[in-house]
């Protein structure tokens, strides 16, 4: 890690006094790297759990699309353990996110970048960056993003450090979007279909995609018992 880059980023964090630690990290990431916006997505295993923070409505949409669809720069960066970039989401050289790309472009994201957020073997998630115009990261921007991802990892671990095992810290639970209703619904579908929670989440996503309904709305229907995936007539059912 470049000491000079780290010192510059830490100085920006110290100067940014608004909001909690996680929101400041996202704001400084966008500022330090010269992006239109940023977000931090955390994972449980290889499945997105939700967003620690986002800087603006577009970055929030980018995070939500990736959570709902299971594809995008953060998903790939976390899974592959390496940076992922798309310099022109509207005209990619190799299309790889057919469901994620079009709605992200429609809302204003033209270039997207994902950087793993991890410390050693501890995988936390990914730093998401977007820009409202196409173009690759410069060498300096790429180097700054690597440092920022490391800072983000340490910030998330620090925030979570005092929380009881198996629970979220108060700051993360208050300021983040972890789609708790989706996790509750996935547990219920897992029991209904006698499948793993990971498989149940995939069924929920399939239902949301097939019906063009937000994932949280499908999950709420399951939690409120308006929808049972054990019903053979329900999309995504057995």
Protein backbone atom coordinates (compact mmCIF):
# COMPACT_ATOMS: atom_id res chain seq x y z
CA UNK A 1 0.00 0.00 0.00
CA UNK A 2 1.35 3.41 -0.92
CA UNK A 3 1.98 5.41 2.25
CA UNK A 4 1.38 8.69 0.46
CA UNK A 5 -1.96 7.55 -0.96
CA UNK A 6 -3.06 6.19 2.41
CA UNK A 7 -2.16 9.41 4.22
CA UNK A 8 -4.11 11.46 1.67
CA UNK A 9 -7.20 9.28 2.03
CA UNK A 10 -7.00 9.29 5.83
CA UNK A 11 -6.72 13.09 5.76
CA UNK A 12 -9.88 13.27 3.64
CA UNK A 13 -11.67 10.98 6.08
CA UNK A 14 -10.63 13.14 9.02
CA UNK A 15 -11.79 16.29 7.25
CA UNK A 16 -15.19 14.78 6.46
CA UNK A 17 -17.08 15.07 9.73
CA UNK A 18 -20.65 14.44 8.60
CA UNK A 19 -22.39 11.12 9.12
CA UNK A 20 -21.07 7.89 10.60
CA UNK A 21 -17.86 6.09 9.71
CA UNK A 22 -19.33 3.99 6.89
CA UNK A 23 -21.03 6.88 5.02
CA UNK A 24 -17.81 8.91 5.26
CA UNK A 25 -15.85 6.06 3.68
CA UNK A 26 -18.23 5.97 0.70
CA UNK A 27 -18.15 9.75 0.26
CA UNK A 28 -14.36 9.88 0.45
CA UNK A 29 -14.06 6.96 -1.99
CA UNK A 30 -15.98 8.90 -4.64
CA UNK A 31 -14.04 12.08 -3.87
CA UNK A 32 -10.55 10.60 -3.70
CA UNK A 33 -10.89 8.49 -6.85
CA UNK A 34 -12.82 11.07 -8.87
CA UNK A 35 -16.02 9.07 -9.33
CA UNK A 36 -19.66 10.12 -9.60
CA UNK A 37 -20.57 7.85 -6.69
CA UNK A 38 -19.58 4.87 -4.57
CA UNK A 39 -21.02 2.14 -2.40
CA UNK A 40 -19.85 -0.75 -0.24
CA UNK A 41 -21.63 -4.08 -0.55
CA UNK A 42 -21.10 -6.84 2.01
CA UNK A 43 -21.51 -10.56 1.37
CA UNK A 44 -22.29 -13.68 3.33
CA UNK A 45 -20.23 -16.35 1.63
CA UNK A 46 -20.76 -15.70 -2.08
CA UNK A 47 -24.21 -14.15 -1.68
CA UNK A 48 -24.75 -10.38 -1.41
CA UNK A 49 -26.18 -9.42 1.96
CA UNK A 50 -26.71 -5.70 1.37
CA UNK A 51 -25.13 -2.26 1.32
CA UNK A 52 -23.13 -0.68 4.12
CA UNK A 53 -23.43 2.72 2.45
CA UNK A 54 -24.03 4.50 -0.84
CA UNK A 55 -23.41 8.11 -1.85
CA UNK A 56 -26.40 8.93 -4.07
CA UNK A 57 -29.53 7.44 -5.67
CA UNK A 58 -27.61 6.00 -8.64
CA UNK A 59 -25.06 4.18 -6.47
CA UNK A 60 -27.95 2.92 -4.31
CA UNK A 61 -29.68 1.59 -7.42
CA UNK A 62 -26.46 -0.09 -8.58
CA UNK A 63 -26.18 -1.86 -5.24
CA UNK A 64 -29.85 -2.85 -5.24
CA UNK A 65 -29.70 -4.22 -8.78
CA UNK A 66 -26.71 -6.37 -7.91
CA UNK A 67 -28.42 -7.65 -4.78
CA UNK A 68 -31.62 -8.46 -6.66
CA UNK A 69 -30.05 -9.93 -9.80
CA UNK A 70 -26.91 -11.53 -8.37
CA UNK A 71 -24.70 -10.02 -11.07
CA UNK A 72 -22.58 -6.92 -11.55
CA UNK A 73 -19.12 -5.52 -10.72
CA UNK A 74 -19.29 -6.03 -6.95
CA UNK A 75 -20.52 -9.61 -7.30
CA UNK A 76 -17.69 -10.46 -9.71
CA UNK A 77 -15.04 -8.60 -7.70
CA UNK A 78 -16.01 -10.44 -4.52
CA UNK A 79 -16.30 -13.84 -6.20
CA UNK A 80 -13.09 -13.56 -8.26
CA UNK A 81 -11.11 -11.75 -5.57
CA UNK A 82 -9.80 -9.17 -8.03
CA UNK A 83 -10.80 -5.77 -9.45
CA UNK A 84 -13.48 -5.75 -12.14
CA UNK A 85 -14.12 -2.87 -14.52
CA UNK A 86 -16.46 -1.93 -17.34
CA UNK A 87 -15.41 1.27 -19.07
CA UNK A 88 -18.62 1.62 -21.10
CA UNK A 89 -21.62 -0.16 -19.66
CA UNK A 90 -23.77 0.99 -22.57
CA UNK A 91 -21.51 -0.65 -25.16
CA UNK A 92 -19.37 -3.30 -23.42
CA UNK A 93 -16.75 -5.08 -25.49
CA UNK A 94 -17.87 -8.37 -23.92
CA UNK A 95 -21.43 -8.31 -22.51
CA UNK A 96 -21.43 -10.05 -19.11
CA UNK A 97 -24.28 -8.52 -17.07
CA UNK A 98 -27.33 -8.65 -19.37
CA UNK A 99 -29.85 -8.00 -16.59
CA UNK A 100 -27.80 -5.46 -14.62
CA UNK A 101 -26.44 -3.31 -17.45
CA UNK A 102 -29.51 -1.77 -19.14
CA UNK A 103 -31.28 -0.46 -16.01
CA UNK A 104 -28.00 0.84 -14.58
CA UNK A 105 -27.30 2.76 -17.79
CA UNK A 106 -30.85 4.11 -17.88
CA UNK A 107 -30.35 5.63 -14.43
CA UNK A 108 -27.02 7.25 -15.33
CA UNK A 109 -24.16 4.80 -14.76
CA UNK A 110 -21.90 4.61 -17.82
CA UNK A 111 -18.74 3.13 -16.29
CA UNK A 112 -18.65 0.80 -13.26
CA UNK A 113 -15.82 -0.67 -11.22
CA UNK A 114 -15.68 -3.21 -8.39
CA UNK A 115 -12.81 -3.77 -5.93
CA UNK A 116 -12.69 -6.61 -3.37
CA UNK A 117 -13.01 -5.46 0.24
CA UNK A 118 -10.99 -7.95 2.24
CA UNK A 119 -8.20 -8.35 4.76
CA UNK A 120 -6.07 -11.40 4.06
CA UNK A 121 -8.37 -14.40 3.87
CA UNK A 122 -11.30 -12.48 5.39
CA UNK A 123 -13.67 -11.62 2.55
CA UNK A 124 -16.08 -8.83 3.45
CA UNK A 125 -17.51 -7.65 0.15
CA UNK A 126 -16.68 -5.13 -2.54
CA UNK A 127 -16.28 -1.42 -3.14
CA UNK A 128 -18.50 -0.25 -5.97
CA UNK A 129 -17.57 2.83 -8.03
CA UNK A 130 -19.49 4.40 -10.89
CA UNK A 131 -19.05 7.31 -13.27
CA UNK A 132 -21.70 9.08 -15.33
CA UNK A 133 -19.53 9.04 -18.44
CA UNK A 134 -17.62 6.19 -20.10
CA UNK A 135 -13.90 5.69 -19.63
CA UNK A 136 -11.35 3.49 -17.89
CA UNK A 137 -9.66 4.27 -14.60
CA UNK A 138 -6.25 5.88 -14.82
CA UNK A 139 -3.32 4.16 -13.16
CA UNK A 140 -3.52 6.57 -10.22
CA UNK A 141 -7.27 6.05 -9.85
CA UNK A 142 -6.83 2.28 -9.86
CA UNK A 143 -4.10 2.52 -7.20
CA UNK A 144 -6.26 4.87 -5.09
CA UNK A 145 -9.19 2.43 -5.35
CA UNK A 146 -7.05 -0.44 -4.08
CA UNK A 147 -6.04 1.62 -1.04
CA UNK A 148 -9.64 2.76 -0.52
CA UNK A 149 -10.89 -0.85 -0.59
CA UNK A 150 -8.38 -1.73 2.14
CA UNK A 151 -9.48 1.26 4.22
CA UNK A 152 -13.11 0.22 3.73
CA UNK A 153 -12.38 -3.31 4.94
CA UNK A 154 -10.75 -2.05 8.12
CA UNK A 155 -13.56 0.44 8.70
CA UNK A 156 -16.28 -2.22 8.43
CA UNK A 157 -14.41 -4.59 10.74
CA UNK A 158 -13.85 -1.78 13.23
CA UNK A 159 -17.53 -0.80 13.24
CA UNK A 160 -18.59 -4.42 13.70
CA UNK A 161 -15.92 -5.29 16.30
CA UNK A 162 -18.00 -4.64 19.44
CA UNK A 163 -21.23 -6.25 18.23
CA UNK A 164 -22.28 -9.54 19.88
CA UNK A 165 -21.57 -12.65 17.74
CA UNK A 166 -24.22 -13.21 15.08
CA UNK A 167 -25.57 -9.66 15.24
CA UNK A 168 -24.94 -6.40 13.40
CA UNK A 169 -23.45 -3.38 15.11
CA UNK A 170 -25.93 -0.61 15.86
CA UNK A 171 -24.26 1.72 13.34
CA UNK A 172 -24.38 -0.80 10.50
CA UNK A 173 -27.95 -1.80 11.26
CA UNK A 174 -29.10 1.83 11.35
CA UNK A 175 -27.29 3.21 8.33
CA UNK A 176 -27.17 0.21 6.02
CA UNK A 177 -29.63 -1.56 3.74
CA UNK A 178 -29.40 -5.27 4.47
CA UNK A 179 -32.77 -6.29 3.03
CA UNK A 180 -33.70 -8.10 6.25
CA UNK A 181 -37.14 -9.02 4.89
CA UNK A 182 -35.44 -10.83 2.00
CA UNK A 183 -33.33 -12.91 4.38
CA UNK A 184 -36.42 -13.72 6.44
CA UNK A 185 -38.30 -14.76 3.30
CA UNK A 186 -35.37 -16.87 2.09
CA UNK A 187 -35.50 -18.79 5.37
CA UNK A 188 -39.22 -19.41 4.94
CA UNK A 189 -38.84 -20.53 1.31
CA UNK A 190 -35.98 -22.78 2.36
CA UNK A 191 -38.37 -24.60 4.71
CA UNK A 192 -41.22 -24.66 2.18
CA UNK A 193 -39.11 -26.23 -0.55
CA UNK A 194 -36.64 -28.15 1.65
CA UNK A 195 -33.68 -26.46 -0.06
CA UNK A 196 -30.71 -24.44 1.16
CA UNK A 197 -31.12 -20.77 2.00
CA UNK A 198 -28.85 -19.95 -0.96
CA UNK A 199 -31.16 -21.88 -3.29
CA UNK A 200 -34.19 -20.23 -1.73
CA UNK A 201 -32.71 -16.79 -2.42
CA UNK A 202 -32.19 -17.77 -6.05
CA UNK A 203 -35.87 -18.80 -6.26
CA UNK A 204 -36.90 -15.42 -4.82
CA UNK A 205 -34.75 -13.62 -7.38
CA UNK A 206 -36.20 -15.72 -10.20
CA UNK A 207 -39.73 -14.81 -9.11
CA UNK A 208 -38.84 -11.10 -8.90
CA UNK A 209 -37.19 -11.14 -12.33
CA UNK A 210 -39.98 -13.12 -13.99
CA UNK A 211 -42.72 -10.87 -12.64
CA UNK A 212 -40.72 -7.61 -12.89
CA UNK A 213 -41.40 -7.03 -9.20
CA UNK A 214 -38.89 -5.62 -6.70
CA UNK A 215 -37.23 -8.40 -4.72
CA UNK A 216 -38.26 -6.81 -1.43
CA UNK A 217 -41.94 -6.86 -2.49
CA UNK A 218 -41.77 -10.56 -3.38
CA UNK A 219 -40.07 -11.21 -0.04
CA UNK A 220 -42.73 -9.25 1.84
CA UNK A 221 -45.45 -11.32 0.17
CA UNK A 222 -43.72 -14.47 1.42
CA UNK A 223 -43.31 -13.11 4.95
CA UNK A 224 -46.96 -11.97 5.00
CA UNK A 225 -47.97 -15.42 3.71
CA UNK A 226 -49.56 -14.10 0.54
CA UNK A 227 -47.12 -16.20 -1.49
CA UNK A 228 -45.97 -19.77 -0.89
CA UNK A 229 -43.25 -21.22 -3.06
CA UNK A 230 -44.40 -24.71 -2.14
CA UNK A 231 -47.36 -24.05 -4.42
CA UNK A 232 -46.52 -25.71 -7.79
CA UNK A 233 -48.29 -22.88 -9.61
CA UNK A 234 -45.98 -20.24 -8.13
CA UNK A 235 -43.07 -19.22 -10.40
CA UNK A 236 -39.89 -20.50 -8.83
CA UNK A 237 -41.78 -23.31 -7.07
CA UNK A 238 -40.78 -26.96 -7.24
